[in-house]
Amino acid sequence: MKENLVGLTLAQCAHYAEGIGEKKYRGRQIYKWIYEKHAAAFAEMTDLPAALREKLEQTAELGNLTLVEKDERSPSGSVKYLFRLHDGYHIESVFIPDSPRRTLCISSQAGCAVNCRFCATARLGLKRNLTAGEIVDQVLRIMRDVNDQITNIVFMGMGEPFLNYDPVIQAANILSDDNGLAIGARRMVISTCGLSDQIRRYADEGHKFRLAVSLNSPFQEERERIMPIARKWPLDSLLDAIHYYAIKSRKIPTFEYVLLAGINDTRIHAEALKKLVKSMPSKLNLIPYNPTVAQFSRPTEERVNEFAQWLLPLNAGLSVRWSKGYEVNAACGQLAGKQSEWIR
């Protein structure tokens, strides 16, 4: 089986070059071609000797994602991509242009094990974790397709990033490396549903990427109903972990709050949420739900605005994020692919 060079760090590329009888600096050249110059084939690596390029053709590959479908129907310009993995599973990514930003929402797992009740991906269950290469390759493939530089990355696609921690961090480090793609670490967001132990680990390791936490209710029992993983990581321990992160990293965490009509959009919720975020500097993003699961619906625009007003004054940055990509099923909670596509 050929070695996939996408997803290798600079040190790993150098080690690979030595392993095939080449000098270390050849590995650095390969690294530059993959991440800085976005080479799609070894033939494009024109400063490598022809013999080395032939050797690479025989022993290695540059990514192994296959584009199955691209949906460009959204008036916002958002584009959803469906990729097939080498073992037949599928993942989705979304390109979101919003001048001057060009954001890419990428997947970290095929499917998801967390089982948030309102999320379409949750219905698929977890198929497997992605490798660092499969995560990075989403970015490279889409950058070549749109012929533009990506400015922002959000790990908010399929899967729970902190359940695939090491490959996600390796991918994020590669994406932000100044010797390669050079996407600013502060322009990258890793989102979690609230794994307290991994949040503390993330803080201890001192990563510069931003952290977002899916809250979705200020009440423990209700959070357990819509996000069953909250039973394992209760709200009290989660808030302690986020507070630890804020102090340790000296960074402001973001709370994501998906508004579900008649469930978590009342004044009682707003008042409790206001008290909850008061305990630390933070940002709060309200996300009106995009219907994908029958028992949940989006609040009216009037209720969304009312909920935001109930939160004021708020000791946190507040924004309402009307998700883009609704027309292509690329908005929050909609990344599920075609059910038939998941049958191997």
Protein backbone atom coordinates (compact mmCIF):
# COMPACT_ATOMS: atom_id res chain seq x y z
CA MET A 1 0.00 0.00 0.00
CA LYS A 2 1.33 3.43 -0.93
CA GLU A 3 2.25 5.94 1.78
CA ASN A 4 -0.05 8.96 1.91
CA LEU A 5 2.22 11.98 2.28
CA VAL A 6 -0.64 14.39 2.96
CA GLY A 7 -0.89 14.72 6.72
CA LEU A 8 2.84 14.27 7.39
CA THR A 9 4.60 16.96 9.38
CA LEU A 10 7.85 18.54 8.20
CA ALA A 11 9.85 16.18 10.42
CA GLN A 12 7.88 13.17 9.16
CA CYS A 13 8.46 14.17 5.54
CA ALA A 14 12.19 14.38 6.20
CA HIS A 15 12.11 10.97 7.87
CA TYR A 16 10.17 9.53 4.92
CA ALA A 17 12.77 10.87 2.47
CA GLU A 18 15.55 9.20 4.43
CA GLY A 19 13.55 5.99 4.48
CA ILE A 20 13.54 5.82 0.68
CA GLY A 21 17.27 6.57 0.45
CA GLU A 22 17.12 10.33 -0.06
CA LYS A 23 18.56 13.28 1.82
CA LYS A 24 16.49 15.01 4.50
CA TYR A 25 16.22 18.21 2.51
CA ARG A 26 14.27 16.35 -0.16
CA GLY A 27 11.61 15.78 2.46
CA ARG A 28 11.50 19.51 3.13
CA GLN A 29 11.07 20.13 -0.60
CA ILE A 30 8.20 17.64 -0.76
CA TYR A 31 6.58 19.26 2.27
CA LYS A 32 6.71 22.67 0.58
CA TRP A 33 5.22 21.32 -2.61
CA ILE A 34 2.32 19.68 -0.78
CA TYR A 35 1.32 22.47 1.58
CA GLU A 36 2.73 25.73 0.21
CA LYS A 37 2.33 25.08 -3.50
CA HIS A 38 -0.67 22.72 -3.26
CA ALA A 39 0.78 20.17 -5.69
CA ALA A 40 -1.77 17.59 -6.80
CA ALA A 41 0.77 15.27 -8.44
CA PHE A 42 4.44 14.39 -8.05
CA ALA A 43 5.04 15.44 -11.67
CA GLU A 44 4.41 19.04 -10.55
CA MET A 45 7.39 18.94 -8.16
CA THR A 46 9.76 20.23 -10.81
CA ASP A 47 12.79 20.87 -8.58
CA LEU A 48 12.95 17.18 -7.64
CA PRO A 49 15.07 14.86 -9.82
CA ALA A 50 13.07 12.84 -12.34
CA ALA A 51 14.25 9.62 -10.70
CA LEU A 52 12.91 10.74 -7.32
CA ARG A 53 9.59 11.76 -8.81
CA GLU A 54 9.32 8.32 -10.38
CA LYS A 55 10.18 6.69 -7.04
CA LEU A 56 7.47 8.74 -5.34
CA GLU A 57 4.95 7.68 -7.97
CA GLN A 58 5.71 4.06 -7.15
CA THR A 59 5.73 4.31 -3.35
CA ALA A 60 3.55 7.24 -2.29
CA GLU A 61 0.37 9.19 -2.97
CA LEU A 62 -0.87 12.73 -2.38
CA GLY A 63 -4.15 12.20 -0.54
CA ASN A 64 -6.74 9.52 -1.07
CA LEU A 65 -10.06 11.36 -0.95
CA THR A 66 -12.36 10.99 -3.95
CA LEU A 67 -14.82 13.78 -4.75
CA VAL A 68 -18.26 12.21 -5.16
CA GLU A 69 -20.50 15.26 -5.31
CA LYS A 70 -20.37 19.05 -5.14
CA ASP A 71 -23.50 21.09 -4.40
CA GLU A 72 -23.35 24.75 -5.40
CA ARG A 73 -27.03 25.72 -5.22
CA SER A 74 -26.76 28.09 -2.27
CA PRO A 75 -27.30 31.80 -3.14
CA SER A 76 -24.81 32.63 -0.37
CA GLY A 77 -22.06 30.98 -2.41
CA SER A 78 -21.58 28.15 0.08
CA VAL A 79 -20.54 24.87 -1.50
CA LYS A 80 -20.90 21.43 0.05
CA TYR A 81 -18.48 18.65 -0.89
CA LEU A 82 -19.05 14.93 -0.44
CA PHE A 83 -15.82 12.90 -0.37
CA ARG A 84 -15.37 9.13 -0.37
CA LEU A 85 -12.63 7.68 1.83
CA HIS A 86 -10.40 4.83 0.66
CA ASP A 87 -12.47 2.28 2.60
CA GLY A 88 -15.81 3.40 1.20
CA TYR A 89 -17.06 5.69 3.96
CA HIS A 90 -18.02 9.26 3.22
CA ILE A 91 -17.44 12.67 4.77
CA GLU A 92 -18.59 16.19 3.99
CA SER A 93 -16.93 19.61 3.99
CA VAL A 94 -18.39 23.07 3.38
CA PHE A 95 -16.80 26.12 1.75
CA ILE A 96 -18.33 29.37 3.04
CA PRO A 97 -17.29 32.59 1.26
CA ASP A 98 -18.04 35.75 3.24
CA SER A 99 -15.75 38.51 2.03
CA PRO A 100 -13.05 39.03 3.08
CA ARG A 101 -13.18 35.66 4.85
CA ARG A 102 -13.22 32.33 3.04
CA THR A 103 -14.07 29.75 5.67
CA LEU A 104 -13.88 25.98 5.40
CA CYS A 105 -15.88 23.73 7.72
CA ILE A 106 -14.19 20.34 7.87
CA SER A 107 -14.93 16.91 9.31
CA SER A 108 -12.83 15.09 11.89
CA GLN A 109 -14.68 11.75 11.91
CA ALA A 110 -16.78 9.71 9.53
CA GLY A 111 -20.10 9.89 11.36
CA CYS A 112 -20.27 10.72 15.05
CA ALA A 113 -20.70 8.86 18.33
CA VAL A 114 -21.95 11.78 20.43
CA ASN A 115 -25.62 11.43 19.41
CA CYS A 116 -26.90 14.99 19.88
CA ARG A 117 -30.64 14.56 19.27
CA PHE A 118 -30.98 17.49 16.86
CA CYS A 119 -27.98 16.62 14.67
CA ALA A 120 -28.33 14.77 11.37
CA THR A 121 -24.81 13.35 11.52
CA ALA A 122 -25.64 11.69 14.84
CA ARG A 123 -28.13 9.41 13.10
CA LEU A 124 -25.28 7.78 11.20
CA GLY A 125 -23.37 6.69 14.29
CA LEU A 126 -19.58 6.60 14.29
CA LYS A 127 -17.91 4.84 11.37
CA ARG A 128 -14.29 5.72 12.25
CA ASN A 129 -11.84 8.49 13.07
CA LEU A 130 -10.15 10.36 10.25
CA THR A 131 -6.40 10.44 9.90
CA ALA A 132 -4.56 13.77 9.98
CA GLY A 133 -4.06 13.32 6.23
CA GLU A 134 -7.77 12.90 5.57
CA ILE A 135 -8.48 16.04 7.57
CA VAL A 136 -5.82 18.14 5.80
CA ASP A 137 -6.72 16.73 2.40
CA GLN A 138 -10.20 18.24 2.65
CA VAL A 139 -8.57 21.67 2.78
CA LEU A 140 -6.11 21.01 -0.05
CA ARG A 141 -8.77 19.56 -2.35
CA ILE A 142 -11.16 22.45 -1.85
CA MET A 143 -8.45 25.12 -2.13
CA ARG A 144 -7.51 23.71 -5.51
CA ASP A 145 -11.16 23.51 -6.54
CA VAL A 146 -12.05 27.12 -5.64
CA ASN A 147 -8.59 28.35 -6.71
CA ASP A 148 -8.35 30.59 -3.68
CA GLN A 149 -6.67 30.77 -0.30
CA ILE A 150 -8.70 29.64 2.71
CA THR A 151 -8.57 32.24 5.50
CA ASN A 152 -10.48 30.45 8.27
CA ILE A 153 -10.92 26.83 9.35
CA VAL A 154 -13.65 25.52 11.65
CA PHE A 155 -13.62 21.93 12.93
CA MET A 156 -17.40 21.85 13.01
CA GLY A 157 -18.16 19.26 10.33
CA MET A 158 -18.89 15.61 10.93
CA GLY A 159 -17.68 14.19 14.22
CA GLU A 160 -16.50 15.32 17.65
CA PRO A 161 -12.94 16.64 17.21
CA PHE A 162 -11.89 15.89 20.80
CA LEU A 163 -12.80 12.21 20.35
CA ASN A 164 -10.15 12.17 17.60
CA TYR A 165 -7.78 14.43 19.48
CA ASP A 166 -4.26 13.63 18.24
CA PRO A 167 -5.00 13.56 14.48
CA VAL A 168 -7.04 16.77 14.80
CA ILE A 169 -4.22 18.59 16.58
CA GLN A 170 -1.64 17.30 14.08
CA ALA A 171 -3.83 18.45 11.19
CA ALA A 172 -4.38 21.86 12.80
CA ASN A 173 -0.63 22.27 13.33
CA ILE A 174 0.06 21.45 9.68
CA LEU A 175 -2.64 23.84 8.47
CA SER A 176 -1.22 26.68 10.55
CA ASP A 177 2.47 26.01 9.84
CA ASP A 178 4.18 29.08 8.35
CA ASN A 179 6.20 26.74 6.10
CA GLY A 180 3.05 25.42 4.49
CA LEU A 181 -0.58 26.49 4.32
CA ALA A 182 0.06 29.24 6.91
CA ILE A 183 -3.56 29.67 8.01
CA GLY A 184 -3.35 31.70 11.21
CA ALA A 185 -3.92 29.65 14.35
CA ARG A 186 -6.27 32.32 15.68
CA ARG A 187 -8.35 31.90 12.53
CA MET A 188 -8.95 28.25 13.33
CA VAL A 189 -11.69 27.05 15.68
CA ILE A 190 -11.93 23.59 17.21
CA SER A 191 -15.44 22.87 18.44
CA THR A 192 -16.41 20.34 21.10
CA CYS A 193 -19.69 19.25 22.64
CA GLY A 194 -17.99 19.47 26.03
CA LEU A 195 -15.41 16.81 26.83
CA SER A 196 -14.08 18.25 30.07
CA ASP A 197 -10.93 16.12 30.29
CA GLN A 198 -9.88 16.97 26.75
CA ILE A 199 -10.55 20.68 27.29
CA ARG A 200 -8.14 20.60 30.23
CA ARG A 201 -5.57 18.70 28.17
CA TYR A 202 -5.99 21.23 25.36
CA ALA A 203 -5.36 24.06 27.83
CA ASP A 204 -2.30 22.35 29.32
CA GLU A 205 -0.76 21.84 25.89
CA GLY A 206 -1.03 25.55 25.11
CA HIS A 207 -2.52 25.41 21.62
CA LYS A 208 -3.22 28.75 19.94
CA PHE A 209 -6.32 27.58 18.06
CA ARG A 210 -9.60 28.99 19.33
CA LEU A 211 -12.00 26.83 21.32
CA ALA A 212 -15.78 26.67 20.90
CA VAL A 213 -18.08 24.66 23.16
CA SER A 214 -21.59 23.55 22.19
CA LEU A 215 -23.72 24.45 25.19
CA ASN A 216 -27.33 24.44 23.91
CA SER A 217 -28.93 24.59 27.35
CA PRO A 218 -28.06 26.16 30.71
CA PHE A 219 -29.83 23.30 32.54
CA GLN A 220 -28.16 19.93 33.19
CA GLU A 221 -31.24 17.71 32.85
CA GLU A 222 -32.33 19.33 29.62
CA ARG A 223 -28.81 19.25 28.23
CA GLU A 224 -28.74 15.50 28.92
CA ARG A 225 -31.96 15.06 26.93
CA ILE A 226 -30.73 16.86 23.83
CA MET A 227 -27.02 16.03 24.26
CA PRO A 228 -26.75 12.62 26.00
CA ILE A 229 -22.96 12.97 26.35
CA ALA A 230 -23.70 15.57 29.06
CA ARG A 231 -24.35 12.65 31.42
CA LYS A 232 -20.66 11.79 31.26
CA TRP A 233 -19.45 15.39 31.41
CA PRO A 234 -22.00 17.30 33.55
CA LEU A 235 -22.45 21.02 33.21
CA ASP A 236 -20.62 21.85 36.46
CA SER A 237 -17.49 19.94 35.46
CA LEU A 238 -17.68 21.36 31.94
CA LEU A 239 -17.83 24.95 33.20
CA ASP A 240 -14.92 24.24 35.55
CA ALA A 241 -12.90 22.93 32.61
CA ILE A 242 -13.75 25.94 30.44
CA HIS A 243 -12.84 28.30 33.28
CA TYR A 244 -9.54 26.41 33.65
CA TYR A 245 -8.95 26.80 29.91
CA ALA A 246 -9.69 30.54 30.00
CA ILE A 247 -7.23 31.13 32.84
CA LYS A 248 -4.52 28.77 31.57
CA SER A 249 -4.60 29.89 27.94
CA ARG A 250 -5.56 33.52 28.54
CA LYS A 251 -7.97 33.10 25.64
CA ILE A 252 -11.69 33.79 25.47
CA PRO A 253 -13.78 30.65 24.85
CA THR A 254 -16.85 30.72 22.63
CA PHE A 255 -20.16 29.17 23.64
CA GLU A 256 -22.32 27.89 20.78
CA TYR A 257 -26.04 27.85 21.54
CA VAL A 258 -28.32 26.25 18.93
CA LEU A 259 -31.82 27.72 19.37
CA LEU A 260 -34.52 25.03 19.23
CA ALA A 261 -38.12 26.26 19.06
CA GLY A 262 -40.09 25.61 22.24
CA ILE A 263 -37.20 23.80 23.88
CA ASN A 264 -34.37 26.14 24.83
CA ASP A 265 -35.58 29.54 23.58
CA THR A 266 -37.64 30.85 26.55
CA ARG A 267 -36.94 33.81 28.79
CA ILE A 268 -36.13 31.40 31.62
CA HIS A 269 -33.38 29.93 29.45
CA ALA A 270 -32.07 33.37 28.55
CA GLU A 271 -31.86 34.46 32.20
CA ALA A 272 -30.10 31.23 33.23
CA LEU A 273 -27.74 31.48 30.27
CA LYS A 274 -26.89 35.06 31.21
CA LYS A 275 -25.91 33.96 34.73
CA LEU A 276 -23.89 31.06 33.38
CA VAL A 277 -21.67 33.08 31.04
CA LYS A 278 -21.27 35.82 33.65
CA SER A 279 -18.67 33.72 35.45
CA MET A 280 -15.94 34.27 32.86
CA PRO A 281 -14.99 36.39 29.83
CA SER A 282 -16.48 34.65 26.82
CA LYS A 283 -18.28 34.97 23.51
CA LEU A 284 -21.78 33.65 22.87
CA ASN A 285 -23.00 32.65 19.41
CA LEU A 286 -26.75 32.09 19.03
CA ILE A 287 -27.42 29.73 16.11
CA PRO A 288 -31.05 29.42 14.93
CA TYR A 289 -31.57 25.74 14.17
CA ASN A 290 -31.82 24.56 10.58
CA PRO A 291 -34.44 21.77 10.59
CA THR A 292 -33.02 18.34 9.84
CA VAL A 293 -34.58 16.14 12.52
CA ALA A 294 -38.39 15.97 12.60
CA GLN A 295 -38.99 16.71 16.29
CA PHE A 296 -36.96 19.93 16.25
CA SER A 297 -37.63 23.22 14.51
CA ARG A 298 -36.19 26.72 14.19
CA PRO A 299 -37.64 29.58 16.25
CA THR A 300 -39.16 32.47 14.37
CA GLU A 301 -36.91 35.41 13.58
CA GLU A 302 -38.95 37.44 16.06
CA ARG A 303 -38.26 34.92 18.86
CA VAL A 304 -34.54 34.77 18.00
CA ASN A 305 -34.29 38.56 18.27
CA GLU A 306 -36.34 38.50 21.46
CA PHE A 307 -34.07 35.88 23.01
CA ALA A 308 -31.02 38.00 22.16
CA GLN A 309 -32.65 41.04 23.80
CA TRP A 310 -33.42 39.03 26.95
CA LEU A 311 -29.71 38.32 27.30
CA LEU A 312 -28.80 42.01 27.50
CA PRO A 313 -26.86 43.38 29.22
CA LEU A 314 -24.50 40.44 28.85
CA ASN A 315 -20.98 40.08 30.18
CA ALA A 316 -19.89 38.47 26.91
CA GLY A 317 -19.64 39.15 23.21
CA LEU A 318 -22.98 38.25 21.61
CA SER A 319 -23.81 37.44 18.00
CA VAL A 320 -26.60 35.72 16.11
CA ARG A 321 -25.26 33.37 13.46
CA TRP A 322 -27.82 32.62 10.78
CA SER A 323 -26.20 29.56 9.22
CA LYS A 324 -25.31 29.72 5.56
CA GLY A 325 -25.63 26.76 3.25
CA TYR A 326 -29.21 25.82 4.15
CA GLU A 327 -30.11 25.22 0.49
CA VAL A 328 -27.36 22.62 0.14
CA ASN A 329 -27.99 20.98 3.52
CA ALA A 330 -24.67 22.37 4.70
CA ALA A 331 -25.80 24.29 7.76
CA CYS A 332 -25.39 23.44 11.43
CA GLY A 333 -26.38 19.85 12.16
CA GLN A 334 -27.04 18.96 8.53
CA LEU A 335 -23.87 17.19 7.52
CA ALA A 336 -25.15 13.67 7.08
CA GLY A 337 -24.48 12.74 3.47
CA LYS A 338 -26.86 10.46 1.63
CA GLN A 339 -27.87 7.53 3.78
CA SER A 340 -27.39 5.11 0.92
CA GLU A 341 -23.84 6.35 0.43
CA TRP A 342 -22.83 4.99 3.84
CA ILE A 343 -23.49 1.37 2.97
CA ARG A 344 -20.18 -0.30 2.18
